[in-house]
């Protein structure tokens, strides 16, 4: 029994270290969300930090369209950043025997 607890503690520590590495990597990952066929682009890190916004000058004349494109590009970038985060966290917890579909951190 004692050996099982020690093994469980080692697995928990290894998982924590893997997750920390994955979270650190996410700070270096950049994703680009686009809208309007590339008229607006938003660059986010895997930690959801906005790095850059690029707007095609031709969209500036229609402010309402620009607002819609900016929101769409932001949503696209957020979806891509979430996918990158999920991929990294799945890799970090692979082989740990966690239930399928369990998202971390809790």
PDB file of N, CA and C in Angstrom:
ATOM      1  N   UNK A   1       0.826  -1.195   0.000  1.00  0.00           N
ATOM      2  CA  UNK A   1       0.000   0.000   0.000  1.00  0.00           C
ATOM      3  C   UNK A   1       0.868   1.257   0.000  1.00  0.00           C
ATOM      4  N   UNK A   2       1.911   1.238   0.829  1.00  0.00           N
ATOM      5  CA  UNK A   2       2.780   2.405   0.928  1.00  0.00           C
ATOM      6  C   UNK A   2       3.470   2.690  -0.405  1.00  0.00           C
ATOM      7  N   UNK A   3       3.865   1.630  -1.118  1.00  0.00           N
ATOM      8  CA  UNK A   3       4.490   1.782  -2.425  1.00  0.00           C
ATOM      9  C   UNK A   3       3.551   2.419  -3.432  1.00  0.00           C
ATOM     10  N   UNK A   4       2.273   2.091  -3.342  1.00  0.00           N
ATOM     11  CA  UNK A   4       1.281   2.679  -4.243  1.00  0.00           C
ATOM     12  C   UNK A   4       1.149   4.179  -4.021  1.00  0.00           C
ATOM     13  N   UNK A   5       1.176   4.595  -2.775  1.00  0.00           N
ATOM     14  CA  UNK A   5       1.064   6.027  -2.461  1.00  0.00           C
ATOM     15  C   UNK A   5       2.300   6.766  -2.959  1.00  0.00           C
ATOM     16  N   UNK A   6       3.464   6.180  -2.757  1.00  0.00           N
ATOM     17  CA  UNK A   6       4.702   6.802  -3.231  1.00  0.00           C
ATOM     18  C   UNK A   6       4.691   6.926  -4.750  1.00  0.00           C
ATOM     19  N   UNK A   7       4.208   5.874  -5.418  1.00  0.00           N
ATOM     20  CA  UNK A   7       4.137   5.905  -6.881  1.00  0.00           C
ATOM     21  C   UNK A   7       3.135   6.964  -7.338  1.00  0.00           C
ATOM     22  N   UNK A   8       2.007   7.060  -6.655  1.00  0.00           N
ATOM     23  CA  UNK A   8       0.993   8.058  -6.977  1.00  0.00           C
ATOM     24  C   UNK A   8       1.542   9.472  -6.793  1.00  0.00           C
ATOM     25  N   UNK A   9       2.301   9.679  -5.736  1.00  0.00           N
ATOM     26  CA  UNK A   9       2.901  11.001  -5.495  1.00  0.00           C
ATOM     27  C   UNK A   9       3.918  11.341  -6.586  1.00  0.00           C
ATOM     28  N   UNK A  10       4.690  10.362  -7.026  1.00  0.00           N
ATOM     29  CA  UNK A  10       5.651  10.591  -8.101  1.00  0.00           C
ATOM     30  C   UNK A  10       4.940  10.944  -9.394  1.00  0.00           C
ATOM     31  N   UNK A  11       3.836  10.234  -9.686  1.00  0.00           N
ATOM     32  CA  UNK A  11       3.066  10.532 -10.887  1.00  0.00           C
ATOM     33  C   UNK A  11       2.476  11.939 -10.814  1.00  0.00           C
ATOM     34  N   UNK A  12       1.973  12.314  -9.650  1.00  0.00           N
ATOM     35  CA  UNK A  12       1.386  13.649  -9.484  1.00  0.00           C
ATOM     36  C   UNK A  12       2.452  14.723  -9.685  1.00  0.00           C
ATOM     37  N   UNK A  13       3.626  14.505  -9.155  1.00  0.00           N
ATOM     38  CA  UNK A  13       4.707  15.468  -9.321  1.00  0.00           C
ATOM     39  C   UNK A  13       5.140  15.562 -10.781  1.00  0.00           C
ATOM     40  N   UNK A  14       5.238  14.427 -11.449  1.00  0.00           N
ATOM     41  CA  UNK A  14       5.609  14.420 -12.863  1.00  0.00           C
ATOM     42  C   UNK A  14       4.561  15.144 -13.696  1.00  0.00           C
ATOM     43  N   UNK A  15       3.283  14.917 -13.391  1.00  0.00           N
ATOM     44  CA  UNK A  15       2.220  15.589 -14.119  1.00  0.00           C
ATOM     45  C   UNK A  15       2.275  17.093 -13.879  1.00  0.00           C
ATOM     46  N   UNK A  16       2.524  17.506 -12.649  1.00  0.00           N
ATOM     47  CA  UNK A  16       2.618  18.927 -12.332  1.00  0.00           C
ATOM     48  C   UNK A  16       3.769  19.575 -13.107  1.00  0.00           C
ATOM     49  N   UNK A  17       4.901  18.897 -13.173  1.00  0.00           N
ATOM     50  CA  UNK A  17       6.043  19.429 -13.921  1.00  0.00           C
ATOM     51  C   UNK A  17       5.732  19.508 -15.412  1.00  0.00           C
ATOM     52  N   UNK A  18       5.070  18.492 -15.943  1.00  0.00           N
ATOM     53  CA  UNK A  18       4.694  18.496 -17.362  1.00  0.00           C
ATOM     54  C   UNK A  18       3.720  19.627 -17.664  1.00  0.00           C
ATOM     55  N   UNK A  19       2.760  19.824 -16.782  1.00  0.00           N
ATOM     56  CA  UNK A  19       1.785  20.896 -16.989  1.00  0.00           C
ATOM     57  C   UNK A  19       2.456  22.266 -16.911  1.00  0.00           C
ATOM     58  N   UNK A  20       3.403  22.425 -16.007  1.00  0.00           N
ATOM     59  CA  UNK A  20       4.114  23.701 -15.901  1.00  0.00           C
ATOM     60  C   UNK A  20       4.907  23.980 -17.173  1.00  0.00           C
ATOM     61  N   UNK A  21       5.562  22.953 -17.709  1.00  0.00           N
ATOM     62  CA  UNK A  21       6.297  23.118 -18.966  1.00  0.00           C
ATOM     63  C   UNK A  21       5.338  23.502 -20.094  1.00  0.00           C
ATOM     64  N   UNK A  22       4.191  22.828 -20.141  1.00  0.00           N
ATOM     65  CA  UNK A  22       3.204  23.117 -21.188  1.00  0.00           C
ATOM     66  C   UNK A  22       2.694  24.543 -21.068  1.00  0.00           C
ATOM     67  N   UNK A  23       2.439  25.003 -19.851  1.00  0.00           N
ATOM     68  CA  UNK A  23       1.971  26.377 -19.657  1.00  0.00           C
ATOM     69  C   UNK A  23       3.047  27.381 -20.060  1.00  0.00           C
ATOM     70  N   UNK A  24       4.286  27.084 -19.762  1.00  0.00           N
ATOM     71  CA  UNK A  24       5.372  27.970 -20.176  1.00  0.00           C
ATOM     72  C   UNK A  24       5.474  28.031 -21.698  1.00  0.00           C
ATOM     73  N   UNK A  25       5.303  26.883 -22.345  1.00  0.00           N
ATOM     74  CA  UNK A  25       5.347  26.836 -23.811  1.00  0.00           C
ATOM     75  C   UNK A  25       4.236  27.684 -24.418  1.00  0.00           C
ATOM     76  N   UNK A  26       3.071  27.707 -23.770  1.00  0.00           N
ATOM     77  CA  UNK A  26       1.937  28.466 -24.303  1.00  0.00           C
ATOM     78  C   UNK A  26       2.250  29.959 -24.391  1.00  0.00           C
ATOM     79  N   UNK A  27       3.129  30.445 -23.548  1.00  0.00           N
ATOM     80  CA  UNK A  27       3.515  31.845 -23.628  1.00  0.00           C
ATOM     81  C   UNK A  27       4.284  32.156 -24.905  1.00  0.00           C
ATOM     82  N   UNK A  28       4.891  31.133 -25.499  1.00  0.00           N
ATOM     83  CA  UNK A  28       5.672  31.310 -26.726  1.00  0.00           C
ATOM     84  C   UNK A  28       4.881  30.994 -27.986  1.00  0.00           C
ATOM     85  N   UNK A  29       3.735  30.338 -27.827  1.00  0.00           N
ATOM     86  CA  UNK A  29       2.905  29.983 -28.977  1.00  0.00           C
ATOM     87  C   UNK A  29       2.132  31.219 -29.424  1.00  0.00           C
ATOM     88  N   UNK A  30       2.128  31.473 -30.723  1.00  0.00           N
ATOM     89  CA  UNK A  30       1.326  32.561 -31.276  1.00  0.00           C
ATOM     90  C   UNK A  30       0.381  32.001 -32.317  1.00  0.00           C
ATOM     91  N   UNK A  31      -0.870  32.452 -32.251  1.00  0.00           N
ATOM     92  CA  UNK A  31      -1.876  32.069 -33.232  1.00  0.00           C
ATOM     93  C   UNK A  31      -2.424  33.337 -33.859  1.00  0.00           C
ATOM     94  N   UNK A  32      -2.845  33.234 -35.110  1.00  0.00           N
ATOM     95  CA  UNK A  32      -3.381  34.387 -35.836  1.00  0.00           C
ATOM     96  C   UNK A  32      -4.819  34.084 -36.220  1.00  0.00           C
ATOM     97  N   UNK A  33      -5.727  34.927 -35.742  1.00  0.00           N
ATOM     98  CA  UNK A  33      -7.123  34.826 -36.133  1.00  0.00           C
ATOM     99  C   UNK A  33      -7.385  35.807 -37.260  1.00  0.00           C
ATOM    100  N   UNK A  34      -8.204  35.401 -38.216  1.00  0.00           N
ATOM    101  CA  UNK A  34      -8.476  36.246 -39.378  1.00  0.00           C
ATOM    102  C   UNK A  34      -9.966  36.407 -39.583  1.00  0.00           C
ATOM    103  N   UNK A  35     -10.322  37.489 -40.237  1.00  0.00           N
ATOM    104  CA  UNK A  35     -11.706  37.713 -40.650  1.00  0.00           C
ATOM    105  C   UNK A  35     -11.685  38.516 -41.940  1.00  0.00           C
ATOM    106  N   UNK A  36     -12.763  38.384 -42.699  1.00  0.00           N
ATOM    107  CA  UNK A  36     -12.872  39.128 -43.951  1.00  0.00           C
ATOM    108  C   UNK A  36     -11.808  38.744 -44.957  1.00  0.00           C
ATOM    109  N   UNK A  37     -11.454  37.468 -44.991  1.00  0.00           N
ATOM    110  CA  UNK A  37     -10.439  37.025 -45.942  1.00  0.00           C
ATOM    111  C   UNK A  37      -9.081  37.631 -45.669  1.00  0.00           C
ATOM    112  N   UNK A  38      -8.788  37.884 -44.396  1.00  0.00           N
ATOM    113  CA  UNK A  38      -7.488  38.442 -44.026  1.00  0.00           C
ATOM    114  C   UNK A  38      -7.481  39.965 -43.920  1.00  0.00           C
ATOM    115  N   UNK A  39      -8.645  40.596 -44.067  1.00  0.00           N
ATOM    116  CA  UNK A  39      -8.698  42.060 -43.948  1.00  0.00           C
ATOM    117  C   UNK A  39      -8.362  42.513 -42.531  1.00  0.00           C
ATOM    118  N   UNK A  40      -8.676  41.665 -41.553  1.00  0.00           N
ATOM    119  CA  UNK A  40      -8.334  41.936 -40.159  1.00  0.00           C
ATOM    120  C   UNK A  40      -7.677  40.685 -39.597  1.00  0.00           C
ATOM    121  N   UNK A  41      -6.552  40.883 -38.918  1.00  0.00           N
ATOM    122  CA  UNK A  41      -5.838  39.779 -38.283  1.00  0.00           C
ATOM    123  C   UNK A  41      -5.517  40.158 -36.845  1.00  0.00           C
ATOM    124  N   UNK A  42      -5.694  39.195 -35.940  1.00  0.00           N
ATOM    125  CA  UNK A  42      -5.368  39.380 -34.532  1.00  0.00           C
ATOM    126  C   UNK A  42      -4.403  38.267 -34.145  1.00  0.00           C
ATOM    127  N   UNK A  43      -3.274  38.634 -33.546  1.00  0.00           N
ATOM    128  CA  UNK A  43      -2.288  37.668 -33.095  1.00  0.00           C
ATOM    129  C   UNK A  43      -2.343  37.583 -31.576  1.00  0.00           C
ATOM    130  N   UNK A  44      -2.576  36.363 -31.060  1.00  0.00           N
ATOM    131  CA  UNK A  44      -2.620  36.114 -29.619  1.00  0.00           C
ATOM    132  C   UNK A  44      -1.568  35.077 -29.254  1.00  0.00           C
ATOM    133  N   UNK A  45      -1.130  35.122 -27.995  1.00  0.00           N
ATOM    134  CA  UNK A  45      -0.303  34.037 -27.482  1.00  0.00           C
ATOM    135  C   UNK A  45      -1.232  32.945 -26.978  1.00  0.00           C
ATOM    136  N   UNK A  46      -0.666  31.811 -26.644  1.00  0.00           N
ATOM    137  CA  UNK A  46      -1.441  30.721 -26.073  1.00  0.00           C
ATOM    138  C   UNK A  46      -2.015  31.062 -24.720  1.00  0.00           C
ATOM    139  N   UNK A  47      -1.545  32.149 -24.128  1.00  0.00           N
ATOM    140  CA  UNK A  47      -2.067  32.629 -22.841  1.00  0.00           C
ATOM    141  C   UNK A  47      -3.109  33.728 -23.018  1.00  0.00           C
ATOM    142  N   UNK A  48      -3.570  33.901 -24.251  1.00  0.00           N
ATOM    143  CA  UNK A  48      -4.607  34.874 -24.595  1.00  0.00           C
ATOM    144  C   UNK A  48      -4.144  36.323 -24.479  1.00  0.00           C
ATOM    145  N   UNK A  49      -2.846  36.556 -24.616  1.00  0.00           N
ATOM    146  CA  UNK A  49      -2.322  37.917 -24.632  1.00  0.00           C
ATOM    147  C   UNK A  49      -2.277  38.395 -26.072  1.00  0.00           C
ATOM    148  N   UNK A  50      -2.861  39.561 -26.331  1.00  0.00           N
ATOM    149  CA  UNK A  50      -2.879  40.102 -27.681  1.00  0.00           C
ATOM    150  C   UNK A  50      -1.510  40.685 -27.999  1.00  0.00           C
ATOM    151  N   UNK A  51      -0.902  40.217 -29.086  1.00  0.00           N
ATOM    152  CA  UNK A  51       0.418  40.687 -29.507  1.00  0.00           C
ATOM    153  C   UNK A  51       0.337  41.705 -30.632  1.00  0.00           C
ATOM    154  N   UNK A  52      -0.686  41.539 -31.485  1.00  0.00           N
ATOM    155  CA  UNK A  52      -0.714  42.378 -32.675  1.00  0.00           C
ATOM    156  C   UNK A  52      -2.115  42.386 -33.271  1.00  0.00           C
ATOM    157  N   UNK A  53      -2.481  43.531 -33.823  1.00  0.00           N
ATOM    158  CA  UNK A  53      -3.717  43.657 -34.597  1.00  0.00           C
ATOM    159  C   UNK A  53      -3.329  44.315 -35.918  1.00  0.00           C
ATOM    160  N   UNK A  54      -3.714  43.677 -37.023  1.00  0.00           N
ATOM    161  CA  UNK A  54      -3.449  44.247 -38.340  1.00  0.00           C
ATOM    162  C   UNK A  54      -4.787  44.489 -39.027  1.00  0.00           C
ATOM    163  N   UNK A  55      -4.962  45.705 -39.528  1.00  0.00           N
ATOM    164  CA  UNK A  55      -6.203  46.085 -40.192  1.00  0.00           C
ATOM    165  C   UNK A  55      -5.880  46.610 -41.580  1.00  0.00           C
ATOM    166  N   UNK A  56      -6.509  46.018 -42.586  1.00  0.00           N
ATOM    167  CA  UNK A  56      -6.369  46.494 -43.963  1.00  0.00           C
ATOM    168  C   UNK A  56      -6.966  47.906 -44.027  1.00  0.00           C
ATOM    169  N   UNK A  57      -6.227  48.885 -44.514  1.00  0.00           N
ATOM    170  CA  UNK A  57      -6.710  50.264 -44.548  1.00  0.00           C
ATOM    171  C   UNK A  57      -8.032  50.465 -45.296  1.00  0.00           C
ATOM    172  N   UNK A  58      -8.353  49.562 -46.205  1.00  0.00           N
ATOM    173  CA  UNK A  58      -9.599  49.730 -46.965  1.00  0.00           C
ATOM    174  C   UNK A  58     -10.835  49.505 -46.098  1.00  0.00           C
ATOM    175  N   UNK A  59     -10.681  48.861 -44.932  1.00  0.00           N
ATOM    176  CA  UNK A  59     -11.832  48.605 -44.065  1.00  0.00           C
ATOM    177  C   UNK A  59     -12.160  49.788 -43.165  1.00  0.00           C
ATOM    178  N   UNK A  60     -11.274  50.762 -43.078  1.00  0.00           N
ATOM    179  CA  UNK A  60     -11.442  51.871 -42.138  1.00  0.00           C
ATOM    180  C   UNK A  60     -12.623  52.761 -42.515  1.00  0.00           C
ATOM    181  N   UNK A  61     -12.987  52.817 -43.762  1.00  0.00           N
ATOM    182  CA  UNK A  61     -14.092  53.689 -44.173  1.00  0.00           C
ATOM    183  C   UNK A  61     -15.446  53.209 -43.657  1.00  0.00           C
ATOM    184  N   UNK A  62     -15.576  51.932 -43.357  1.00  0.00           N
ATOM    185  CA  UNK A  62     -16.827  51.382 -42.842  1.00  0.00           C
ATOM    186  C   UNK A  62     -16.583  50.880 -41.418  1.00  0.00           C
ATOM    187  N   UNK A  63     -16.836  51.758 -40.441  1.00  0.00           N
ATOM    188  CA  UNK A  63     -16.518  51.457 -39.047  1.00  0.00           C
ATOM    189  C   UNK A  63     -17.313  50.253 -38.538  1.00  0.00           C
ATOM    190  N   UNK A  64     -18.571  50.145 -38.900  1.00  0.00           N
ATOM    191  CA  UNK A  64     -19.385  49.025 -38.426  1.00  0.00           C
ATOM    192  C   UNK A  64     -18.836  47.690 -38.941  1.00  0.00           C
ATOM    193  N   UNK A  65     -18.453  47.652 -40.206  1.00  0.00           N
ATOM    194  CA  UNK A  65     -17.869  46.438 -40.757  1.00  0.00           C
ATOM    195  C   UNK A  65     -16.542  46.135 -40.063  1.00  0.00           C
ATOM    196  N   UNK A  66     -15.745  47.157 -39.820  1.00  0.00           N
ATOM    197  CA  UNK A  66     -14.460  46.981 -39.150  1.00  0.00           C
ATOM    198  C   UNK A  66     -14.659  46.391 -37.758  1.00  0.00           C
ATOM    199  N   UNK A  67     -15.647  46.883 -37.033  1.00  0.00           N
ATOM    200  CA  UNK A  67     -15.928  46.353 -35.694  1.00  0.00           C
ATOM    201  C   UNK A  67     -16.314  44.875 -35.767  1.00  0.00           C
ATOM    202  N   UNK A  68     -17.149  44.524 -36.737  1.00  0.00           N
ATOM    203  CA  UNK A  68     -17.561  43.131 -36.901  1.00  0.00           C
ATOM    204  C   UNK A  68     -16.367  42.248 -37.261  1.00  0.00           C
ATOM    205  N   UNK A  69     -15.522  42.722 -38.156  1.00  0.00           N
ATOM    206  CA  UNK A  69     -14.349  41.946 -38.565  1.00  0.00           C
ATOM    207  C   UNK A  69     -13.367  41.774 -37.407  1.00  0.00           C
ATOM    208  N   UNK A  70     -13.190  42.817 -36.623  1.00  0.00           N
ATOM    209  CA  UNK A  70     -12.280  42.739 -35.487  1.00  0.00           C
ATOM    210  C   UNK A  70     -12.785  41.728 -34.462  1.00  0.00           C
ATOM    211  N   UNK A  71     -14.078  41.750 -34.183  1.00  0.00           N
ATOM    212  CA  UNK A  71     -14.657  40.777 -33.243  1.00  0.00           C
ATOM    213  C   UNK A  71     -14.506  39.355 -33.783  1.00  0.00           C
ATOM    214  N   UNK A  72     -14.760  39.163 -35.064  1.00  0.00           N
ATOM    215  CA  UNK A  72     -14.644  37.835 -35.668  1.00  0.00           C
ATOM    216  C   UNK A  72     -13.200  37.339 -35.643  1.00  0.00           C
ATOM    217  N   UNK A  73     -12.250  38.213 -35.942  1.00  0.00           N
ATOM    218  CA  UNK A  73     -10.839  37.833 -35.924  1.00  0.00           C
ATOM    219  C   UNK A  73     -10.395  37.488 -34.507  1.00  0.00           C
ATOM    220  N   UNK A  74     -10.862  38.240 -33.532  1.00  0.00           N
ATOM    221  CA  UNK A  74     -10.525  37.973 -32.138  1.00  0.00           C
ATOM    222  C   UNK A  74     -11.071  36.606 -31.722  1.00  0.00           C
ATOM    223  N   UNK A  75     -12.317  36.325 -32.072  1.00  0.00           N
ATOM    224  CA  UNK A  75     -12.907  35.030 -31.742  1.00  0.00           C
ATOM    225  C   UNK A  75     -12.160  33.885 -32.417  1.00  0.00           C
ATOM    226  N   UNK A  76     -11.750  34.085 -33.653  1.00  0.00           N
ATOM    227  CA  UNK A  76     -10.982  33.067 -34.377  1.00  0.00           C
ATOM    228  C   UNK A  76      -9.659  32.807 -33.667  1.00  0.00           C
ATOM    229  N   UNK A  77      -8.990  33.866 -33.252  1.00  0.00           N
ATOM    230  CA  UNK A  77      -7.706  33.721 -32.557  1.00  0.00           C
ATOM    231  C   UNK A  77      -7.884  33.026 -31.210  1.00  0.00           C
ATOM    232  N   UNK A  78      -8.933  33.377 -30.473  1.00  0.00           N
ATOM    233  CA  UNK A  78      -9.195  32.746 -29.178  1.00  0.00           C
ATOM    234  C   UNK A  78      -9.448  31.250 -29.361  1.00  0.00           C
ATOM    235  N   UNK A  79     -10.221  30.891 -30.365  1.00  0.00           N
ATOM    236  CA  UNK A  79     -10.476  29.465 -30.630  1.00  0.00           C
ATOM    237  C   UNK A  79      -9.184  28.721 -30.952  1.00  0.00           C
ATOM    238  N   UNK A  80      -8.316  29.339 -31.736  1.00  0.00           N
ATOM    239  CA  UNK A  80      -7.038  28.703 -32.078  1.00  0.00           C
ATOM    240  C   UNK A  80      -6.127  28.595 -30.862  1.00  0.00           C
ATOM    241  N   UNK A  81      -6.113  29.627 -30.011  1.00  0.00           N
ATOM    242  CA  UNK A  81      -5.292  29.592 -28.797  1.00  0.00           C
ATOM    243  C   UNK A  81      -5.799  28.516 -27.844  1.00  0.00           C
ATOM    244  N   UNK A  82      -7.112  28.395 -27.722  1.00  0.00           N
ATOM    245  CA  UNK A  82      -7.684  27.338 -26.873  1.00  0.00           C
ATOM    246  C   UNK A  82      -7.313  25.954 -27.394  1.00  0.00           C
ATOM    247  N   UNK A  83      -7.355  25.781 -28.696  1.00  0.00           N
ATOM    248  CA  UNK A  83      -6.984  24.493 -29.290  1.00  0.00           C
ATOM    249  C   UNK A  83      -5.514  24.182 -29.023  1.00  0.00           C
ATOM    250  N   UNK A  84      -4.658  25.185 -29.140  1.00  0.00           N
ATOM    251  CA  UNK A  84      -3.228  24.987 -28.874  1.00  0.00           C
ATOM    252  C   UNK A  84      -3.000  24.633 -27.402  1.00  0.00           C
ATOM    253  N   UNK A  85      -3.729  25.299 -26.510  1.00  0.00           N
ATOM    254  CA  UNK A  85      -3.596  25.016 -25.079  1.00  0.00           C
ATOM    255  C   UNK A  85      -4.058  23.600 -24.772  1.00  0.00           C
ATOM    256  N   UNK A  86      -5.179  23.195 -25.347  1.00  0.00           N
ATOM    257  CA  UNK A  86      -5.696  21.846 -25.115  1.00  0.00           C
ATOM    258  C   UNK A  86      -4.716  20.791 -25.625  1.00  0.00           C
ATOM    259  N   UNK A  87      -4.125  21.065 -26.776  1.00  0.00           N
ATOM    260  CA  UNK A  87      -3.143  20.139 -27.345  1.00  0.00           C
ATOM    261  C   UNK A  87      -1.939  19.982 -26.426  1.00  0.00           C
ATOM    262  N   UNK A  88      -1.432  21.094 -25.911  1.00  0.00           N
ATOM    263  CA  UNK A  88      -0.259  21.043 -25.035  1.00  0.00           C
ATOM    264  C   UNK A  88      -0.583  20.357 -23.708  1.00  0.00           C
ATOM    265  N   UNK A  89      -1.742  20.646 -23.142  1.00  0.00           N
ATOM    266  CA  UNK A  89      -2.112  20.044 -21.866  1.00  0.00           C
ATOM    267  C   UNK A  89      -2.369  18.539 -22.032  1.00  0.00           C
ATOM    268  N   UNK A  90      -2.955  18.153 -23.155  1.00  0.00           N
ATOM    269  CA  UNK A  90      -3.175  16.727 -23.405  1.00  0.00           C
ATOM    270  C   UNK A  90      -1.849  15.994 -23.490  1.00  0.00           C
ATOM    271  N   UNK A  91      -0.889  16.616 -24.156  1.00  0.00           N
ATOM    272  CA  UNK A  91       0.437  16.003 -24.264  1.00  0.00           C
ATOM    273  C   UNK A  91       1.102  15.915 -22.894  1.00  0.00           C
ATOM    274  N   UNK A  92       0.875  16.922 -22.046  1.00  0.00           N
ATOM    275  CA  UNK A  92       1.503  16.944 -20.722  1.00  0.00           C
ATOM    276  C   UNK A  92       0.939  15.870 -19.810  1.00  0.00           C
ATOM    277  N   UNK A  93      -0.332  15.527 -19.983  1.00  0.00           N
ATOM    278  CA  UNK A  93      -0.966  14.553 -19.096  1.00  0.00           C
ATOM    279  C   UNK A  93      -1.067  13.167 -19.721  1.00  0.00           C
ATOM    280  N   UNK A  94      -0.526  13.001 -20.917  1.00  0.00           N
ATOM    281  CA  UNK A  94      -0.576  11.710 -21.597  1.00  0.00           C
ATOM    282  C   UNK A  94       0.123  10.648 -20.758  1.00  0.00           C
ATOM    283  N   UNK A  95      -0.500   9.498 -20.652  1.00  0.00           N
ATOM    284  CA  UNK A  95       0.094   8.397 -19.906  1.00  0.00           C
ATOM    285  C   UNK A  95      -0.122   8.471 -18.405  1.00  0.00           C
ATOM    286  N   UNK A  96      -0.897   9.447 -17.948  1.00  0.00           N
ATOM    287  CA  UNK A  96      -1.146   9.595 -16.517  1.00  0.00           C
ATOM    288  C   UNK A  96      -2.381   8.839 -16.045  1.00  0.00           C
ATOM    289  N   UNK A  97      -3.119   8.251 -16.990  1.00  0.00           N
ATOM    290  CA  UNK A  97      -4.287   7.479 -16.611  1.00  0.00           C
ATOM    291  C   UNK A  97      -5.493   8.328 -16.233  1.00  0.00           C
ATOM    292  N   UNK A  98      -5.562   9.564 -16.738  1.00  0.00           N
ATOM    293  CA  UNK A  98      -6.708  10.426 -16.449  1.00  0.00           C
ATOM    294  C   UNK A  98      -7.877  10.029 -17.343  1.00  0.00           C
ATOM    295  N   UNK A  99      -9.101  10.240 -16.860  1.00  0.00           N
ATOM    296  CA  UNK A  99     -10.270   9.916 -17.681  1.00  0.00           C
ATOM    297  C   UNK A  99     -10.277  10.711 -18.991  1.00  0.00           C
ATOM    298  N   UNK A 100     -10.776  10.102 -20.055  1.00  0.00           N
ATOM    299  CA  UNK A 100     -10.853  10.745 -21.355  1.00  0.00           C
ATOM    300  C   UNK A 100     -11.723  11.994 -21.271  1.00  0.00           C
ATOM    301  N   UNK A 101     -11.258  13.078 -21.859  1.00  0.00           N
ATOM    302  CA  UNK A 101     -12.022  14.320 -21.884  1.00  0.00           C
ATOM    303  C   UNK A 101     -11.846  15.181 -20.647  1.00  0.00           C
ATOM    304  N   UNK A 102     -11.099  14.742 -19.688  1.00  0.00           N
ATOM    305  CA  UNK A 102     -10.886  15.527 -18.473  1.00  0.00           C
ATOM    306  C   UNK A 102     -10.010  16.716 -18.814  1.00  0.00           C
ATOM    307  N   UNK A 103     -10.494  17.917 -18.486  1.00  0.00           N
ATOM    308  CA  UNK A 103      -9.757  19.128 -18.813  1.00  0.00           C
ATOM    309  C   UNK A 103      -9.025  19.622 -17.580  1.00  0.00           C
ATOM    310  N   UNK A 104      -7.777  19.984 -17.787  1.00  0.00           N
ATOM    311  CA  UNK A 104      -6.955  20.528 -16.708  1.00  0.00           C
ATOM    312  C   UNK A 104      -6.469  21.911 -17.099  1.00  0.00           C
ATOM    313  N   UNK A 105      -6.241  22.815 -16.179  1.00  0.00           N
ATOM    314  CA  UNK A 105      -6.499  22.630 -14.766  1.00  0.00           C
ATOM    315  C   UNK A 105      -7.988  22.592 -14.477  1.00  0.00           C
ATOM    316  N   UNK A 106      -8.333  21.984 -13.363  1.00  0.00           N
ATOM    317  CA  UNK A 106      -9.730  21.733 -13.016  1.00  0.00           C
ATOM    318  C   UNK A 106     -10.454  23.008 -13.026  1.00  0.00           C
TER     319      UNK A 106
END
